[in-house]
């Protein structure tokens, strides 16, 4: 039973990261450049519609990551200080990605390209730190 729960939580964590970081990469590398060729009114309509469609994915991924991350932390205690230092750095980057995700789907920021880009880079750094922690500890 607990093994199945661990597998489910791991899948939920990875799927949520893929959704959130993948959406940031798509926004940065595809959506913003494509919207740049549109007129102001069409660009606003596109940005508003994509924010509405991406909103439940962002909030769902955030909730899933908080639940599965808490489960992972509680179910794997007792690491050394270096682990917790890297985990703290990872969680700061996670807070950045969460905050940018919320801003992108609830407000209409003019500098969305930079927001998408910064969150995508932070997301990729989170994945790198996670891979290192998983491999080393």
N, C-alpha and C. Protein backbone atom coordinates (compact mmCIF):
# COMPACT_ATOMS: atom_id res chain seq x y z
N UNK A 1 0.82 -1.19 0.00
CA UNK A 1 0.00 0.00 0.00
C UNK A 1 0.86 1.26 0.00
N UNK A 2 1.84 1.32 0.95
CA UNK A 2 2.69 2.52 1.02
C UNK A 2 3.61 2.62 -0.18
N UNK A 3 3.99 1.49 -0.75
CA UNK A 3 4.83 1.53 -1.95
C UNK A 3 4.04 2.12 -3.11
N UNK A 4 2.79 1.75 -3.24
CA UNK A 4 1.94 2.30 -4.30
C UNK A 4 1.73 3.80 -4.10
N UNK A 5 1.56 4.21 -2.84
CA UNK A 5 1.40 5.63 -2.54
C UNK A 5 2.68 6.40 -2.90
N UNK A 6 3.84 5.83 -2.60
CA UNK A 6 5.10 6.46 -2.97
C UNK A 6 5.25 6.62 -4.46
N UNK A 7 4.87 5.60 -5.21
CA UNK A 7 4.94 5.66 -6.67
C UNK A 7 3.97 6.72 -7.20
N UNK A 8 2.76 6.74 -6.65
CA UNK A 8 1.78 7.74 -7.07
C UNK A 8 2.28 9.16 -6.79
N UNK A 9 2.86 9.37 -5.63
CA UNK A 9 3.36 10.70 -5.27
C UNK A 9 4.53 11.11 -6.16
N UNK A 10 5.39 10.18 -6.48
CA UNK A 10 6.53 10.48 -7.38
C UNK A 10 6.01 10.86 -8.76
N UNK A 11 5.04 10.08 -9.27
CA UNK A 11 4.45 10.38 -10.58
C UNK A 11 3.78 11.75 -10.56
N UNK A 12 3.01 12.03 -9.50
CA UNK A 12 2.33 13.31 -9.37
C UNK A 12 3.32 14.46 -9.35
N UNK A 13 4.42 14.28 -8.65
CA UNK A 13 5.46 15.31 -8.57
C UNK A 13 6.08 15.57 -9.94
N UNK A 14 6.47 14.51 -10.62
CA UNK A 14 7.11 14.66 -11.94
C UNK A 14 6.14 15.23 -12.97
N UNK A 15 4.90 14.75 -12.98
CA UNK A 15 3.91 15.25 -13.93
C UNK A 15 3.60 16.73 -13.69
N UNK A 16 3.55 17.14 -12.44
CA UNK A 16 3.28 18.54 -12.11
C UNK A 16 4.44 19.45 -12.52
N UNK A 17 5.66 18.99 -12.29
CA UNK A 17 6.83 19.75 -12.73
C UNK A 17 6.84 19.88 -14.25
N UNK A 18 6.55 18.80 -14.94
CA UNK A 18 6.51 18.84 -16.40
C UNK A 18 5.46 19.83 -16.90
N UNK A 19 4.31 19.85 -16.25
CA UNK A 19 3.24 20.77 -16.64
C UNK A 19 3.65 22.23 -16.41
N UNK A 20 4.18 22.50 -15.24
CA UNK A 20 4.51 23.88 -14.88
C UNK A 20 5.72 24.39 -15.65
N UNK A 21 6.80 23.65 -15.64
CA UNK A 21 8.02 24.10 -16.32
C UNK A 21 7.84 24.03 -17.84
N UNK A 22 7.16 23.02 -18.32
CA UNK A 22 6.88 22.93 -19.77
C UNK A 22 6.06 24.10 -20.26
N UNK A 23 5.08 24.51 -19.46
CA UNK A 23 4.28 25.67 -19.83
C UNK A 23 5.10 26.95 -19.86
N UNK A 24 6.02 27.07 -18.91
CA UNK A 24 6.89 28.26 -18.89
C UNK A 24 7.82 28.28 -20.12
N UNK A 25 8.36 27.12 -20.46
CA UNK A 25 9.21 27.05 -21.65
C UNK A 25 8.42 27.37 -22.91
N UNK A 26 7.22 26.83 -23.01
CA UNK A 26 6.37 27.11 -24.17
C UNK A 26 6.05 28.61 -24.26
N UNK A 27 5.70 29.20 -23.12
CA UNK A 27 5.38 30.62 -23.13
C UNK A 27 6.56 31.47 -23.55
N UNK A 28 7.74 31.12 -23.05
CA UNK A 28 8.95 31.90 -23.34
C UNK A 28 9.41 31.73 -24.78
N UNK A 29 9.47 30.49 -25.25
CA UNK A 29 10.08 30.21 -26.55
C UNK A 29 9.10 30.21 -27.72
N UNK A 30 7.79 30.08 -27.45
CA UNK A 30 6.82 29.98 -28.54
C UNK A 30 5.75 31.07 -28.46
N UNK A 31 5.06 31.15 -27.35
CA UNK A 31 3.90 32.04 -27.25
C UNK A 31 4.27 33.51 -27.37
N UNK A 32 5.23 33.96 -26.60
CA UNK A 32 5.60 35.39 -26.61
C UNK A 32 6.13 35.81 -27.99
N UNK A 33 7.05 35.04 -28.61
CA UNK A 33 7.48 35.45 -29.96
C UNK A 33 6.35 35.43 -30.99
N UNK A 34 5.46 34.43 -30.89
CA UNK A 34 4.35 34.37 -31.84
C UNK A 34 3.37 35.51 -31.63
N UNK A 35 3.12 35.88 -30.38
CA UNK A 35 2.20 36.98 -30.09
C UNK A 35 2.80 38.33 -30.50
N UNK A 36 4.11 38.39 -30.59
CA UNK A 36 4.78 39.64 -30.96
C UNK A 36 4.46 40.12 -32.36
N UNK A 37 4.06 39.24 -33.24
CA UNK A 37 3.74 39.64 -34.61
C UNK A 37 2.29 40.08 -34.76
N UNK A 38 1.50 39.93 -33.72
CA UNK A 38 0.09 40.31 -33.78
C UNK A 38 -0.09 41.78 -33.43
N UNK A 39 -1.20 42.31 -33.83
CA UNK A 39 -1.56 43.66 -33.43
C UNK A 39 -1.88 43.70 -31.94
N UNK A 40 -1.94 44.90 -31.38
CA UNK A 40 -2.12 45.04 -29.94
C UNK A 40 -3.41 44.39 -29.45
N UNK A 41 -4.49 44.58 -30.16
CA UNK A 41 -5.78 44.03 -29.74
C UNK A 41 -5.78 42.49 -29.83
N UNK A 42 -5.26 41.97 -30.92
CA UNK A 42 -5.20 40.51 -31.09
C UNK A 42 -4.24 39.89 -30.08
N UNK A 43 -3.14 40.57 -29.79
CA UNK A 43 -2.18 40.07 -28.80
C UNK A 43 -2.81 40.00 -27.42
N UNK A 44 -3.57 41.05 -27.05
CA UNK A 44 -4.23 41.06 -25.75
C UNK A 44 -5.26 39.93 -25.67
N UNK A 45 -6.01 39.72 -26.73
CA UNK A 45 -7.01 38.65 -26.73
C UNK A 45 -6.34 37.28 -26.59
N UNK A 46 -5.22 37.09 -27.28
CA UNK A 46 -4.49 35.82 -27.19
C UNK A 46 -3.93 35.60 -25.79
N UNK A 47 -3.32 36.62 -25.23
CA UNK A 47 -2.73 36.51 -23.90
C UNK A 47 -3.81 36.25 -22.85
N UNK A 48 -4.93 36.95 -22.96
CA UNK A 48 -6.02 36.75 -22.00
C UNK A 48 -6.57 35.33 -22.09
N UNK A 49 -6.77 34.83 -23.29
CA UNK A 49 -7.32 33.48 -23.47
C UNK A 49 -6.34 32.42 -22.97
N UNK A 50 -5.05 32.57 -23.28
CA UNK A 50 -4.08 31.58 -22.82
C UNK A 50 -3.95 31.60 -21.30
N UNK A 51 -4.07 32.78 -20.69
CA UNK A 51 -4.02 32.86 -19.22
C UNK A 51 -5.20 32.11 -18.60
N UNK A 52 -6.37 32.28 -19.17
CA UNK A 52 -7.56 31.58 -18.66
C UNK A 52 -7.40 30.07 -18.81
N UNK A 53 -6.86 29.62 -19.92
CA UNK A 53 -6.70 28.18 -20.15
C UNK A 53 -5.57 27.58 -19.30
N UNK A 54 -4.53 28.35 -19.05
CA UNK A 54 -3.37 27.84 -18.29
C UNK A 54 -3.59 27.93 -16.78
N UNK A 55 -4.52 28.79 -16.34
CA UNK A 55 -4.75 29.02 -14.91
C UNK A 55 -5.03 27.74 -14.12
N UNK A 56 -5.97 26.89 -14.52
CA UNK A 56 -6.22 25.68 -13.72
C UNK A 56 -5.01 24.73 -13.71
N UNK A 57 -4.25 24.73 -14.78
CA UNK A 57 -3.04 23.88 -14.81
C UNK A 57 -2.00 24.39 -13.82
N UNK A 58 -1.83 25.70 -13.76
CA UNK A 58 -0.85 26.27 -12.83
C UNK A 58 -1.26 26.01 -11.39
N UNK A 59 -2.50 26.31 -11.05
CA UNK A 59 -2.93 26.11 -9.67
C UNK A 59 -2.97 24.63 -9.30
N UNK A 60 -3.40 23.79 -10.22
CA UNK A 60 -3.38 22.35 -9.97
C UNK A 60 -1.98 21.82 -9.76
N UNK A 61 -1.04 22.28 -10.58
CA UNK A 61 0.35 21.83 -10.45
C UNK A 61 0.95 22.32 -9.14
N UNK A 62 0.64 23.54 -8.74
CA UNK A 62 1.17 24.06 -7.47
C UNK A 62 0.66 23.22 -6.30
N UNK A 63 -0.63 22.95 -6.27
CA UNK A 63 -1.20 22.15 -5.18
C UNK A 63 -0.59 20.75 -5.19
N UNK A 64 -0.51 20.14 -6.37
CA UNK A 64 0.06 18.79 -6.47
C UNK A 64 1.52 18.76 -6.02
N UNK A 65 2.28 19.78 -6.39
CA UNK A 65 3.69 19.84 -5.98
C UNK A 65 3.84 20.04 -4.48
N UNK A 66 2.97 20.85 -3.89
CA UNK A 66 3.03 21.05 -2.44
C UNK A 66 2.71 19.75 -1.70
N UNK A 67 1.67 19.04 -2.16
CA UNK A 67 1.28 17.79 -1.50
C UNK A 67 2.34 16.71 -1.70
N UNK A 68 2.76 16.50 -2.94
CA UNK A 68 3.73 15.43 -3.21
C UNK A 68 5.11 15.78 -2.65
N UNK A 69 5.47 17.06 -2.67
CA UNK A 69 6.75 17.47 -2.10
C UNK A 69 6.79 17.28 -0.60
N UNK A 70 5.69 17.63 0.08
CA UNK A 70 5.62 17.41 1.53
C UNK A 70 5.69 15.91 1.84
N UNK A 71 5.00 15.10 1.05
CA UNK A 71 5.07 13.65 1.25
C UNK A 71 6.50 13.15 1.07
N UNK A 72 7.17 13.61 0.02
CA UNK A 72 8.55 13.18 -0.23
C UNK A 72 9.48 13.59 0.92
N UNK A 73 9.30 14.78 1.42
CA UNK A 73 10.14 15.27 2.51
C UNK A 73 9.91 14.47 3.79
N UNK A 74 8.67 14.19 4.11
CA UNK A 74 8.34 13.45 5.33
C UNK A 74 8.75 11.98 5.23
N UNK A 75 8.63 11.42 4.04
CA UNK A 75 8.92 9.98 3.88
C UNK A 75 10.42 9.68 3.70
N UNK A 76 11.26 10.71 3.53
CA UNK A 76 12.70 10.51 3.36
C UNK A 76 13.50 11.43 4.29
N UNK A 77 13.40 11.24 5.60
CA UNK A 77 14.12 12.13 6.53
C UNK A 77 15.57 11.69 6.73
N UNK A 78 16.31 12.52 7.45
CA UNK A 78 17.64 12.14 7.92
C UNK A 78 18.77 12.27 6.94
N UNK A 79 18.84 13.38 6.25
CA UNK A 79 19.95 13.63 5.33
C UNK A 79 20.98 14.54 5.99
N UNK A 80 22.12 14.72 5.30
CA UNK A 80 23.17 15.57 5.85
C UNK A 80 22.93 17.05 5.52
N UNK A 81 23.69 17.95 6.13
CA UNK A 81 23.47 19.39 5.91
C UNK A 81 23.57 19.83 4.45
N UNK A 82 24.47 19.23 3.68
CA UNK A 82 24.60 19.62 2.27
C UNK A 82 23.29 19.37 1.51
N UNK A 83 22.62 18.28 1.82
CA UNK A 83 21.33 17.98 1.21
C UNK A 83 20.33 19.10 1.52
N UNK A 84 20.25 19.50 2.78
CA UNK A 84 19.28 20.51 3.17
C UNK A 84 19.62 21.90 2.62
N UNK A 85 20.88 22.18 2.43
CA UNK A 85 21.27 23.44 1.79
C UNK A 85 20.79 23.46 0.34
N UNK A 86 21.04 22.39 -0.38
CA UNK A 86 20.59 22.31 -1.77
C UNK A 86 19.06 22.28 -1.87
N UNK A 87 18.42 21.58 -0.93
CA UNK A 87 16.96 21.55 -0.91
C UNK A 87 16.40 22.96 -0.67
N UNK A 88 17.04 23.72 0.21
CA UNK A 88 16.60 25.10 0.47
C UNK A 88 16.74 25.96 -0.78
N UNK A 89 17.84 25.82 -1.49
CA UNK A 89 18.02 26.56 -2.74
C UNK A 89 16.93 26.17 -3.74
N UNK A 90 16.67 24.88 -3.84
CA UNK A 90 15.64 24.38 -4.73
C UNK A 90 14.27 24.98 -4.36
N UNK A 91 13.96 25.02 -3.07
CA UNK A 91 12.67 25.55 -2.64
C UNK A 91 12.54 27.05 -2.88
N UNK A 92 13.64 27.79 -2.80
CA UNK A 92 13.60 29.22 -3.17
C UNK A 92 13.29 29.39 -4.65
N UNK A 93 13.89 28.56 -5.47
CA UNK A 93 13.60 28.60 -6.91
C UNK A 93 12.15 28.19 -7.18
N UNK A 94 11.67 27.21 -6.43
CA UNK A 94 10.27 26.78 -6.55
C UNK A 94 9.34 27.94 -6.22
N UNK A 95 9.63 28.67 -5.15
CA UNK A 95 8.80 29.82 -4.78
C UNK A 95 8.77 30.85 -5.92
N UNK A 96 9.91 31.03 -6.58
CA UNK A 96 9.97 31.95 -7.72
C UNK A 96 9.06 31.47 -8.85
N UNK A 97 9.15 30.20 -9.20
CA UNK A 97 8.33 29.66 -10.29
C UNK A 97 6.84 29.75 -9.93
N UNK A 98 6.48 29.42 -8.70
CA UNK A 98 5.09 29.52 -8.27
C UNK A 98 4.59 30.95 -8.38
N UNK A 99 5.36 31.91 -7.87
CA UNK A 99 4.94 33.31 -7.88
C UNK A 99 4.77 33.82 -9.31
N UNK A 100 5.71 33.49 -10.18
CA UNK A 100 5.61 33.94 -11.57
C UNK A 100 4.41 33.28 -12.25
N UNK A 101 4.20 32.01 -11.99
CA UNK A 101 3.05 31.32 -12.57
C UNK A 101 1.74 31.99 -12.16
N UNK A 102 1.63 32.33 -10.89
CA UNK A 102 0.41 32.99 -10.41
C UNK A 102 0.25 34.37 -11.05
N UNK A 103 1.32 35.13 -11.14
CA UNK A 103 1.25 36.46 -11.78
C UNK A 103 0.84 36.33 -13.24
N UNK A 104 1.41 35.38 -13.94
CA UNK A 104 1.13 35.24 -15.37
C UNK A 104 -0.33 34.87 -15.66
N UNK A 105 -0.98 34.14 -14.76
CA UNK A 105 -2.36 33.72 -15.04
C UNK A 105 -3.41 34.58 -14.35
N UNK A 106 -3.00 35.53 -13.49
CA UNK A 106 -3.98 36.37 -12.82
C UNK A 106 -3.87 37.84 -13.20
N UNK A 107 -2.73 38.26 -13.67
CA UNK A 107 -2.53 39.65 -14.07
C UNK A 107 -2.23 39.67 -15.57
N UNK A 108 -2.02 40.85 -16.09
CA UNK A 108 -1.66 40.99 -17.51
C UNK A 108 -0.35 41.77 -17.60
N UNK A 109 0.78 41.14 -17.20
CA UNK A 109 2.05 41.89 -17.17
C UNK A 109 2.57 42.18 -18.57
N UNK A 110 3.13 43.36 -18.73
CA UNK A 110 3.70 43.75 -20.02
C UNK A 110 5.00 43.02 -20.32
N UNK A 111 5.73 42.63 -19.30
CA UNK A 111 7.03 41.99 -19.47
C UNK A 111 6.93 40.47 -19.31
N UNK A 112 5.87 39.89 -19.89
CA UNK A 112 5.64 38.44 -19.71
C UNK A 112 6.75 37.59 -20.32
N UNK A 113 7.43 38.07 -21.34
CA UNK A 113 8.54 37.31 -21.92
C UNK A 113 9.65 37.08 -20.91
N UNK A 114 10.01 38.14 -20.18
CA UNK A 114 11.04 38.00 -19.14
C UNK A 114 10.55 37.11 -18.00
N UNK A 115 9.28 37.23 -17.65
CA UNK A 115 8.73 36.39 -16.58
C UNK A 115 8.77 34.92 -16.98
N UNK A 116 8.29 34.62 -18.19
CA UNK A 116 8.34 33.24 -18.68
C UNK A 116 9.78 32.73 -18.71
N UNK A 117 10.67 33.56 -19.23
CA UNK A 117 12.07 33.15 -19.35
C UNK A 117 12.73 32.88 -18.01
N UNK A 118 12.54 33.80 -17.07
CA UNK A 118 13.13 33.62 -15.75
C UNK A 118 12.58 32.39 -15.04
N UNK A 119 11.27 32.18 -15.13
CA UNK A 119 10.66 31.02 -14.49
C UNK A 119 11.09 29.72 -15.18
N UNK A 120 11.24 29.75 -16.50
CA UNK A 120 11.69 28.55 -17.21
C UNK A 120 13.12 28.19 -16.81
N UNK A 121 13.99 29.18 -16.73
CA UNK A 121 15.37 28.92 -16.31
C UNK A 121 15.41 28.42 -14.87
N UNK A 122 14.63 29.05 -14.00
CA UNK A 122 14.55 28.57 -12.62
C UNK A 122 14.04 27.13 -12.57
N UNK A 123 13.03 26.83 -13.38
CA UNK A 123 12.49 25.48 -13.44
C UNK A 123 13.52 24.46 -13.88
N UNK A 124 14.31 24.82 -14.87
CA UNK A 124 15.36 23.90 -15.33
C UNK A 124 16.44 23.71 -14.26
N UNK A 125 16.73 24.78 -13.52
CA UNK A 125 17.68 24.65 -12.41
C UNK A 125 17.11 23.75 -11.30
N UNK A 126 15.82 23.86 -11.04
CA UNK A 126 15.16 22.99 -10.07
C UNK A 126 15.32 21.53 -10.48
N UNK A 127 15.10 21.25 -11.74
CA UNK A 127 15.22 19.88 -12.24
C UNK A 127 16.66 19.39 -12.10
N UNK A 128 17.62 20.24 -12.39
CA UNK A 128 19.04 19.88 -12.24
C UNK A 128 19.38 19.57 -10.78
N UNK A 129 18.95 20.43 -9.87
CA UNK A 129 19.21 20.20 -8.44
C UNK A 129 18.53 18.92 -7.99
N UNK A 130 17.30 18.70 -8.44
CA UNK A 130 16.57 17.49 -8.07
C UNK A 130 17.28 16.23 -8.55
N UNK A 131 17.78 16.28 -9.77
CA UNK A 131 18.50 15.12 -10.31
C UNK A 131 19.76 14.85 -9.50
N UNK A 132 20.46 15.90 -9.13
CA UNK A 132 21.67 15.74 -8.31
C UNK A 132 21.32 15.16 -6.94
N UNK A 133 20.29 15.70 -6.31
CA UNK A 133 19.90 15.20 -4.99
C UNK A 133 19.46 13.73 -5.07
N UNK A 134 18.70 13.41 -6.09
CA UNK A 134 18.22 12.02 -6.25
C UNK A 134 19.40 11.08 -6.48
N UNK A 135 20.37 11.50 -7.26
CA UNK A 135 21.52 10.65 -7.59
C UNK A 135 22.47 10.50 -6.41
N UNK A 136 22.69 11.58 -5.69
CA UNK A 136 23.71 11.62 -4.63
C UNK A 136 23.19 11.10 -3.30
N UNK A 137 21.92 11.36 -3.01
CA UNK A 137 21.41 11.00 -1.68
C UNK A 137 20.40 9.91 -1.83
